[in-house]
All heavy atoms as atom14 arrays in JSON, in Angstrom:
{
  "sequence": "TDHISAYNLTYEEDTEFFRSLLRGEKRQDPDEDASF",
  "atom14_mask": [
    [1, 1, 1, 1, 1, 1, 1, 0, 0, 0, 0, 0, 0, 0],
    [1, 1, 1, 1, 1, 1, 1, 1, 0, 0, 0, 0, 0, 0],
    [1, 1, 1, 1, 1, 1, 1, 1, 1, 1, 0, 0, 0, 0],
    [1, 1, 1, 1, 1, 1, 1, 1, 0, 0, 0, 0, 0, 0],
    [1, 1, 1, 1, 1, 1, 0, 0, 0, 0, 0, 0, 0, 0],
    [1, 1, 1, 1, 1, 0, 0, 0, 0, 0, 0, 0, 0, 0],
    [1, 1, 1, 1, 1, 1, 1, 1, 1, 1, 1, 1, 0, 0],
    [1, 1, 1, 1, 1, 1, 1, 1, 0, 0, 0, 0, 0, 0],
    [1, 1, 1, 1, 1, 1, 1, 1, 0, 0, 0, 0, 0, 0],
    [1, 1, 1, 1, 1, 1, 1, 0, 0, 0, 0, 0, 0, 0],
    [1, 1, 1, 1, 1, 1, 1, 1, 1, 1, 1, 1, 0, 0],
    [1, 1, 1, 1, 1, 1, 1, 1, 1, 0, 0, 0, 0, 0],
    [1, 1, 1, 1, 1, 1, 1, 1, 1, 0, 0, 0, 0, 0],
    [1, 1, 1, 1, 1, 1, 1, 1, 0, 0, 0, 0, 0, 0],
    [1, 1, 1, 1, 1, 1, 1, 0, 0, 0, 0, 0, 0, 0],
    [1, 1, 1, 1, 1, 1, 1, 1, 1, 0, 0, 0, 0, 0],
    [1, 1, 1, 1, 1, 1, 1, 1, 1, 1, 1, 0, 0, 0],
    [1, 1, 1, 1, 1, 1, 1, 1, 1, 1, 1, 0, 0, 0],
    [1, 1, 1, 1, 1, 1, 1, 1, 1, 1, 1, 0, 0, 0],
    [1, 1, 1, 1, 1, 1, 0, 0, 0, 0, 0, 0, 0, 0],
    [1, 1, 1, 1, 1, 1, 1, 1, 0, 0, 0, 0, 0, 0],
    [1, 1, 1, 1, 1, 1, 1, 1, 0, 0, 0, 0, 0, 0],
    [1, 1, 1, 1, 1, 1, 1, 1, 1, 1, 1, 0, 0, 0],
    [1, 1, 1, 1, 0, 0, 0, 0, 0, 0, 0, 0, 0, 0],
    [1, 1, 1, 1, 1, 1, 1, 1, 1, 0, 0, 0, 0, 0],
    [1, 1, 1, 1, 1, 1, 1, 1, 1, 0, 0, 0, 0, 0],
    [1, 1, 1, 1, 1, 1, 1, 1, 1, 1, 1, 0, 0, 0],
    [1, 1, 1, 1, 1, 1, 1, 1, 1, 0, 0, 0, 0, 0],
    [1, 1, 1, 1, 1, 1, 1, 1, 0, 0, 0, 0, 0, 0],
    [1, 1, 1, 1, 1, 1, 1, 0, 0, 0, 0, 0, 0, 0],
    [1, 1, 1, 1, 1, 1, 1, 1, 0, 0, 0, 0, 0, 0],
    [1, 1, 1, 1, 1, 1, 1, 1, 1, 0, 0, 0, 0, 0],
    [1, 1, 1, 1, 1, 1, 1, 1, 0, 0, 0, 0, 0, 0],
    [1, 1, 1, 1, 1, 0, 0, 0, 0, 0, 0, 0, 0, 0],
    [1, 1, 1, 1, 1, 1, 0, 0, 0, 0, 0, 0, 0, 0],
    [1, 1, 1, 1, 1, 1, 1, 1, 1, 1, 1, 0, 0, 0]
  ],
  "atom14_positions": [
    [[-17.77, -16.17, 4.99], [-17.65, -17.58, 4.63], [-18.66, -17.93, 3.54], [-19.78, -17.41, 3.53], [-17.86, -18.49, 5.86], [-17.73, -19.84, 5.48], [-19.22, -18.28, 6.49], [0.0, 0.0, 0.0], [0.0, 0.0, 0.0], [0.0, 0.0, 0.0], [0.0, 0.0, 0.0], [0.0, 0.0, 0.0], [0.0, 0.0, 0.0], [0.0, 0.0, 0.0]],
    [[-18.28, -18.8, 2.62], [-19.21, -19.17, 1.55], [-19.92, -20.49, 1.82], [-20.74, -20.94, 1.03], [-18.5, -19.22, 0.18], [-17.3, -20.15, 0.14], [-17.32, -21.18, 0.83], [-16.34, -19.84, -0.59], [0.0, 0.0, 0.0], [0.0, 0.0, 0.0], [0.0, 0.0, 0.0], [0.0, 0.0, 0.0], [0.0, 0.0, 0.0], [0.0, 0.0, 0.0]],
    [[-19.58, -21.14, 2.94], [-20.18, -22.42, 3.28], [-20.19, -22.56, 4.8], [-19.21, -22.24, 5.46], [-19.36, -23.56, 2.66], [-19.98, -24.91, 2.71], [-20.13, -25.64, 3.88], [-20.52, -25.69, 1.73], [-20.71, -26.79, 3.62], [-20.95, -26.84, 2.32], [0.0, 0.0, 0.0], [0.0, 0.0, 0.0], [0.0, 0.0, 0.0], [0.0, 0.0, 0.0]],
    [[-21.31, -23.0, 5.36], [-21.41, -23.21, 6.8], [-21.94, -24.61, 7.07], [-22.95, -25.02, 6.48], [-22.33, -22.17, 7.48], [-21.65, -20.79, 7.48], [-22.68, -22.58, 8.92], [-22.5, -19.68, 8.06], [0.0, 0.0, 0.0], [0.0, 0.0, 0.0], [0.0, 0.0, 0.0], [0.0, 0.0, 0.0], [0.0, 0.0, 0.0], [0.0, 0.0, 0.0]],
    [[-21.23, -25.34, 7.93], [-21.72, -26.63, 8.42], [-22.17, -26.41, 9.86], [-21.35, -26.1, 10.73], [-20.61, -27.69, 8.37], [-20.21, -27.93, 7.04], [0.0, 0.0, 0.0], [0.0, 0.0, 0.0], [0.0, 0.0, 0.0], [0.0, 0.0, 0.0], [0.0, 0.0, 0.0], [0.0, 0.0, 0.0], [0.0, 0.0, 0.0], [0.0, 0.0, 0.0]],
    [[-23.48, -26.51, 10.1], [-24.05, -26.24, 11.42], [-24.54, -27.55, 12.01], [-25.53, -28.12, 11.54], [-25.18, -25.23, 11.3], [0.0, 0.0, 0.0], [0.0, 0.0, 0.0], [0.0, 0.0, 0.0], [0.0, 0.0, 0.0], [0.0, 0.0, 0.0], [0.0, 0.0, 0.0], [0.0, 0.0, 0.0], [0.0, 0.0, 0.0], [0.0, 0.0, 0.0]],
    [[-23.86, -28.02, 13.04], [-24.13, -29.34, 13.61], [-24.81, -29.24, 14.97], [-24.42, -28.45, 15.82], [-22.82, -30.13, 13.77], [-22.1, -30.41, 12.48], [-20.92, -29.74, 12.17], [-22.61, -31.33, 11.57], [-20.25, -30.0, 10.99], [-21.95, -31.59, 10.39], [-20.77, -30.92, 10.1], [-20.12, -31.17, 8.92], [0.0, 0.0, 0.0], [0.0, 0.0, 0.0]],
    [[-25.83, -30.08, 15.13], [-26.46, -30.26, 16.43], [-25.51, -31.06, 17.34], [-25.02, -32.12, 16.94], [-27.76, -31.04, 16.22], [-28.65, -31.08, 17.44], [-29.87, -31.12, 17.31], [-28.1, -31.1, 18.63], [0.0, 0.0, 0.0], [0.0, 0.0, 0.0], [0.0, 0.0, 0.0], [0.0, 0.0, 0.0], [0.0, 0.0, 0.0], [0.0, 0.0, 0.0]],
    [[-25.21, -30.55, 18.52], [-24.36, -31.3, 19.45], [-24.98, -32.66, 19.75], [-26.17, -32.76, 20.07], [-24.2, -30.52, 20.76], [-23.51, -31.28, 21.9], [-22.04, -31.53, 21.58], [-23.64, -30.53, 23.22], [0.0, 0.0, 0.0], [0.0, 0.0, 0.0], [0.0, 0.0, 0.0], [0.0, 0.0, 0.0], [0.0, 0.0, 0.0], [0.0, 0.0, 0.0]],
    [[-24.2, -33.7, 19.62], [-24.63, -35.04, 20.01], [-23.69, -35.55, 21.1], [-22.5, -35.25, 21.1], [-24.6, -36.02, 18.82], [-23.28, -36.04, 18.25], [-25.6, -35.61, 17.76], [0.0, 0.0, 0.0], [0.0, 0.0, 0.0], [0.0, 0.0, 0.0], [0.0, 0.0, 0.0], [0.0, 0.0, 0.0], [0.0, 0.0, 0.0], [0.0, 0.0, 0.0]],
    [[-24.26, -36.3, 22.02], [-23.48, -36.82, 23.14], [-22.97, -38.21, 22.78], [-23.67, -39.21, 22.91], [-24.35, -36.86, 24.41], [-24.71, -35.48, 24.92], [-25.78, -34.77, 24.38], [-23.95, -34.86, 25.91], [-26.09, -33.5, 24.84], [-24.25, -33.6, 26.37], [-25.33, -32.92, 25.83], [-25.64, -31.65, 26.28], [0.0, 0.0, 0.0], [0.0, 0.0, 0.0]],
    [[-21.73, -38.23, 22.27], [-21.13, -39.47, 21.8], [-20.5, -40.24, 22.96], [-19.93, -39.65, 23.88], [-20.06, -39.17, 20.75], [-20.55, -38.37, 19.55], [-21.37, -39.19, 18.59], [-21.47, -40.42, 18.8], [-21.9, -38.61, 17.63], [0.0, 0.0, 0.0], [0.0, 0.0, 0.0], [0.0, 0.0, 0.0], [0.0, 0.0, 0.0], [0.0, 0.0, 0.0]],
    [[-20.61, -41.57, 22.88], [-19.96, -42.4, 23.9], [-18.45, -42.14, 23.91], [-17.86, -41.74, 22.92], [-20.25, -43.88, 23.64], [-21.71, -44.26, 23.86], [-21.94, -45.76, 23.77], [-21.0, -46.52, 24.06], [-23.05, -46.15, 23.38], [0.0, 0.0, 0.0], [0.0, 0.0, 0.0], [0.0, 0.0, 0.0], [0.0, 0.0, 0.0], [0.0, 0.0, 0.0]],
    [[-17.85, -42.39, 25.04], [-16.42, -42.21, 25.23], [-16.01, -40.74, 25.13], [-14.91, -40.4, 24.66], [-15.61, -43.04, 24.23], [-14.15, -43.2, 24.65], [-13.89, -43.21, 25.87], [-13.28, -43.29, 23.77], [0.0, 0.0, 0.0], [0.0, 0.0, 0.0], [0.0, 0.0, 0.0], [0.0, 0.0, 0.0], [0.0, 0.0, 0.0], [0.0, 0.0, 0.0]],
    [[-16.91, -39.84, 25.55], [-16.57, -38.42, 25.66], [-16.96, -37.94, 27.05], [-17.83, -38.51, 27.71], [-17.31, -37.56, 24.63], [-18.72, -37.58, 24.9], [-17.06, -38.06, 23.21], [0.0, 0.0, 0.0], [0.0, 0.0, 0.0], [0.0, 0.0, 0.0], [0.0, 0.0, 0.0], [0.0, 0.0, 0.0], [0.0, 0.0, 0.0], [0.0, 0.0, 0.0]],
    [[-16.34, -36.86, 27.48], [-16.65, -36.3, 28.8], [-18.08, -35.76, 28.83], [-18.77, -35.87, 29.86], [-15.66, -35.18, 29.14], [-15.86, -34.59, 30.53], [-15.87, -35.64, 31.64], [-15.05, -36.58, 31.59], [-16.72, -35.52, 32.55], [0.0, 0.0, 0.0], [0.0, 0.0, 0.0], [0.0, 0.0, 0.0], [0.0, 0.0, 0.0], [0.0, 0.0, 0.0]],
    [[-18.56, -35.21, 27.71], [-19.94, -34.73, 27.67], [-20.93, -35.87, 27.89], [-21.94, -35.7, 28.58], [-20.21, -34.04, 26.33], [-19.96, -32.56, 26.34], [-19.05, -31.99, 27.22], [-20.61, -31.73, 25.44], [-18.81, -30.62, 27.23], [-20.38, -30.36, 25.44], [-19.48, -29.8, 26.33], [0.0, 0.0, 0.0], [0.0, 0.0, 0.0], [0.0, 0.0, 0.0]],
    [[-20.66, -37.03, 27.31], [-21.55, -38.17, 27.47], [-21.58, -38.62, 28.93], [-22.64, -38.92, 29.48], [-21.11, -39.32, 26.57], [-22.01, -40.53, 26.62], [-23.25, -40.52, 26.01], [-21.61, -41.67, 27.28], [-24.08, -41.63, 26.05], [-22.43, -42.79, 27.34], [-23.67, -42.76, 26.72], [0.0, 0.0, 0.0], [0.0, 0.0, 0.0], [0.0, 0.0, 0.0]],
    [[-20.4, -38.65, 29.55], [-20.34, -39.04, 30.96], [-21.1, -38.04, 31.83], [-21.77, -38.42, 32.8], [-18.89, -39.18, 31.4], [-18.19, -40.41, 30.79], [-16.8, -40.62, 31.35], [-15.84, -39.69, 30.78], [-15.18, -39.9, 29.64], [-15.39, -41.01, 28.94], [-14.3, -39.02, 29.19], [0.0, 0.0, 0.0], [0.0, 0.0, 0.0], [0.0, 0.0, 0.0]],
    [[-21.04, -36.75, 31.48], [-21.8, -35.74, 32.21], [-23.29, -35.94, 32.03], [-24.07, -35.72, 32.96], [-21.42, -34.33, 31.73], [-20.17, -33.94, 32.2], [0.0, 0.0, 0.0], [0.0, 0.0, 0.0], [0.0, 0.0, 0.0], [0.0, 0.0, 0.0], [0.0, 0.0, 0.0], [0.0, 0.0, 0.0], [0.0, 0.0, 0.0], [0.0, 0.0, 0.0]],
    [[-23.69, -36.35, 30.82], [-25.1, -36.62, 30.56], [-25.58, -37.78, 31.44], [-26.67, -37.71, 32.03], [-25.3, -36.96, 29.08], [-26.74, -37.17, 28.6], [-27.52, -35.86, 28.65], [-26.74, -37.73, 27.17], [0.0, 0.0, 0.0], [0.0, 0.0, 0.0], [0.0, 0.0, 0.0], [0.0, 0.0, 0.0], [0.0, 0.0, 0.0], [0.0, 0.0, 0.0]],
    [[-24.79, -38.82, 31.53], [-25.16, -39.98, 32.36], [-25.25, -39.6, 33.83], [-26.07, -40.15, 34.58], [-24.15, -41.11, 32.17], [-24.09, -41.76, 30.79], [-23.05, -42.88, 30.78], [-25.45, -42.31, 30.38], [0.0, 0.0, 0.0], [0.0, 0.0, 0.0], [0.0, 0.0, 0.0], [0.0, 0.0, 0.0], [0.0, 0.0, 0.0], [0.0, 0.0, 0.0]],
    [[-24.41, -38.66, 34.26], [-24.43, -38.22, 35.66], [-25.55, -37.25, 35.94], [-25.77, -36.84, 37.09], [-23.09, -37.56, 36.02], [-21.91, -38.52, 36.06], [-20.69, -37.87, 36.72], [-20.21, -36.71, 35.99], [-19.22, -36.73, 35.1], [-18.61, -37.89, 34.81], [-18.83, -35.63, 34.49], [0.0, 0.0, 0.0], [0.0, 0.0, 0.0], [0.0, 0.0, 0.0]],
    [[-26.29, -36.85, 34.91], [-27.38, -35.91, 35.09], [-26.96, -34.47, 35.13], [-27.76, -33.58, 35.45], [0.0, 0.0, 0.0], [0.0, 0.0, 0.0], [0.0, 0.0, 0.0], [0.0, 0.0, 0.0], [0.0, 0.0, 0.0], [0.0, 0.0, 0.0], [0.0, 0.0, 0.0], [0.0, 0.0, 0.0], [0.0, 0.0, 0.0], [0.0, 0.0, 0.0]],
    [[-25.71, -34.19, 34.78], [-25.2, -32.82, 34.81], [-25.57, -32.05, 33.55], [-25.55, -30.82, 33.55], [-23.68, -32.84, 34.97], [-23.21, -33.49, 36.26], [-21.73, -33.8, 36.28], [-21.05, -33.54, 35.26], [-21.26, -34.31, 37.31], [0.0, 0.0, 0.0], [0.0, 0.0, 0.0], [0.0, 0.0, 0.0], [0.0, 0.0, 0.0], [0.0, 0.0, 0.0]],
    [[-25.89, -32.76, 32.48], [-26.33, -32.14, 31.24], [-27.62, -32.83, 30.79], [-27.91, -33.95, 31.21], [-25.26, -32.25, 30.15], [-24.03, -31.4, 30.43], [-23.02, -31.5, 29.31], [-21.89, -30.5, 29.47], [-21.14, -30.68, 30.72], [0.0, 0.0, 0.0], [0.0, 0.0, 0.0], [0.0, 0.0, 0.0], [0.0, 0.0, 0.0], [0.0, 0.0, 0.0]],
    [[-28.38, -32.15, 29.95], [-29.64, -32.73, 29.5], [-29.84, -32.45, 28.02], [-29.23, -31.53, 27.45], [-30.81, -32.16, 30.29], [-31.05, -30.67, 30.06], [-32.2, -30.14, 30.89], [-32.44, -28.72, 30.58], [-33.23, -28.31, 29.6], [-33.83, -29.2, 28.81], [-33.4, -27.02, 29.37], [0.0, 0.0, 0.0], [0.0, 0.0, 0.0], [0.0, 0.0, 0.0]],
    [[-30.68, -33.24, 27.38], [-31.04, -33.04, 25.99], [-32.52, -32.71, 25.9], [-33.34, -33.34, 26.59], [-30.75, -34.3, 25.17], [-29.27, -34.58, 24.95], [-29.06, -35.84, 24.14], [-29.38, -36.93, 24.59], [-28.51, -35.7, 22.94], [0.0, 0.0, 0.0], [0.0, 0.0, 0.0], [0.0, 0.0, 0.0], [0.0, 0.0, 0.0], [0.0, 0.0, 0.0]],
    [[-32.86, -31.74, 25.08], [-34.25, -31.33, 24.89], [-34.53, -31.28, 23.39], [-34.16, -30.31, 22.72], [-34.49, -29.97, 25.53], [-35.96, -29.55, 25.47], [-36.71, -30.1, 24.64], [-36.35, -28.68, 26.26], [0.0, 0.0, 0.0], [0.0, 0.0, 0.0], [0.0, 0.0, 0.0], [0.0, 0.0, 0.0], [0.0, 0.0, 0.0], [0.0, 0.0, 0.0]],
    [[-35.19, -32.3, 22.83], [-35.44, -32.34, 21.38], [-36.19, -31.11, 20.88], [-35.92, -30.63, 19.76], [-36.27, -33.62, 21.2], [-35.87, -34.48, 22.37], [-35.66, -33.52, 23.5], [0.0, 0.0, 0.0], [0.0, 0.0, 0.0], [0.0, 0.0, 0.0], [0.0, 0.0, 0.0], [0.0, 0.0, 0.0], [0.0, 0.0, 0.0], [0.0, 0.0, 0.0]],
    [[-37.13, -30.59, 21.68], [-37.89, -29.41, 21.24], [-36.98, -28.19, 21.14], [-37.09, -27.38, 20.22], [-39.03, -29.12, 22.22], [-40.12, -30.19, 22.17], [-40.26, -30.84, 21.11], [-40.81, -30.38, 23.18], [0.0, 0.0, 0.0], [0.0, 0.0, 0.0], [0.0, 0.0, 0.0], [0.0, 0.0, 0.0], [0.0, 0.0, 0.0], [0.0, 0.0, 0.0]],
    [[-36.06, -28.07, 22.1], [-35.12, -26.96, 22.08], [-34.17, -27.1, 20.89], [-33.86, -26.12, 20.21], [-34.32, -26.94, 23.39], [-33.43, -25.72, 23.55], [-32.75, -25.71, 24.91], [-31.69, -26.37, 25.03], [-33.28, -25.07, 25.84], [0.0, 0.0, 0.0], [0.0, 0.0, 0.0], [0.0, 0.0, 0.0], [0.0, 0.0, 0.0], [0.0, 0.0, 0.0]],
    [[-33.72, -28.32, 20.63], [-32.84, -28.57, 19.48], [-33.52, -28.15, 18.19], [-32.9, -27.56, 17.3], [-32.47, -30.05, 19.41], [-31.57, -30.48, 20.57], [-31.2, -29.63, 21.39], [-31.24, -31.68, 20.63], [0.0, 0.0, 0.0], [0.0, 0.0, 0.0], [0.0, 0.0, 0.0], [0.0, 0.0, 0.0], [0.0, 0.0, 0.0], [0.0, 0.0, 0.0]],
    [[-34.82, -28.45, 18.07], [-35.57, -28.1, 16.86], [-35.63, -26.59, 16.67], [-35.56, -26.09, 15.54], [-36.98, -28.68, 16.94], [0.0, 0.0, 0.0], [0.0, 0.0, 0.0], [0.0, 0.0, 0.0], [0.0, 0.0, 0.0], [0.0, 0.0, 0.0], [0.0, 0.0, 0.0], [0.0, 0.0, 0.0], [0.0, 0.0, 0.0], [0.0, 0.0, 0.0]],
    [[-35.71, -25.84, 17.77], [-35.75, -24.38, 17.68], [-34.44, -23.84, 17.12], [-34.43, -22.91, 16.31], [-36.02, -23.77, 19.06], [-37.3, -24.18, 19.54], [0.0, 0.0, 0.0], [0.0, 0.0, 0.0], [0.0, 0.0, 0.0], [0.0, 0.0, 0.0], [0.0, 0.0, 0.0], [0.0, 0.0, 0.0], [0.0, 0.0, 0.0], [0.0, 0.0, 0.0]],
    [[-33.33, -24.42, 17.55], [-32.02, -24.02, 17.02], [-31.95, -24.32, 15.52], [-31.47, -23.5, 14.73], [-30.9, -24.76, 17.74], [-30.52, -24.17, 19.08], [-31.02, -24.7, 20.25], [-29.65, -23.09, 19.14], [-30.66, -24.16, 21.48], [-29.28, -22.54, 20.36], [-29.79, -23.08, 21.55], [0.0, 0.0, 0.0], [0.0, 0.0, 0.0], [0.0, 0.0, 0.0]]
  ]
}
């Protein structure tokens, strides 16, 4: 590939991931994100 778009996962409202975050099933770690 000659171009890569590498996106940090964000937990957007009105998504199942966001609802999981609110339920405590998923977590966000800014320090870990920075390592990626």
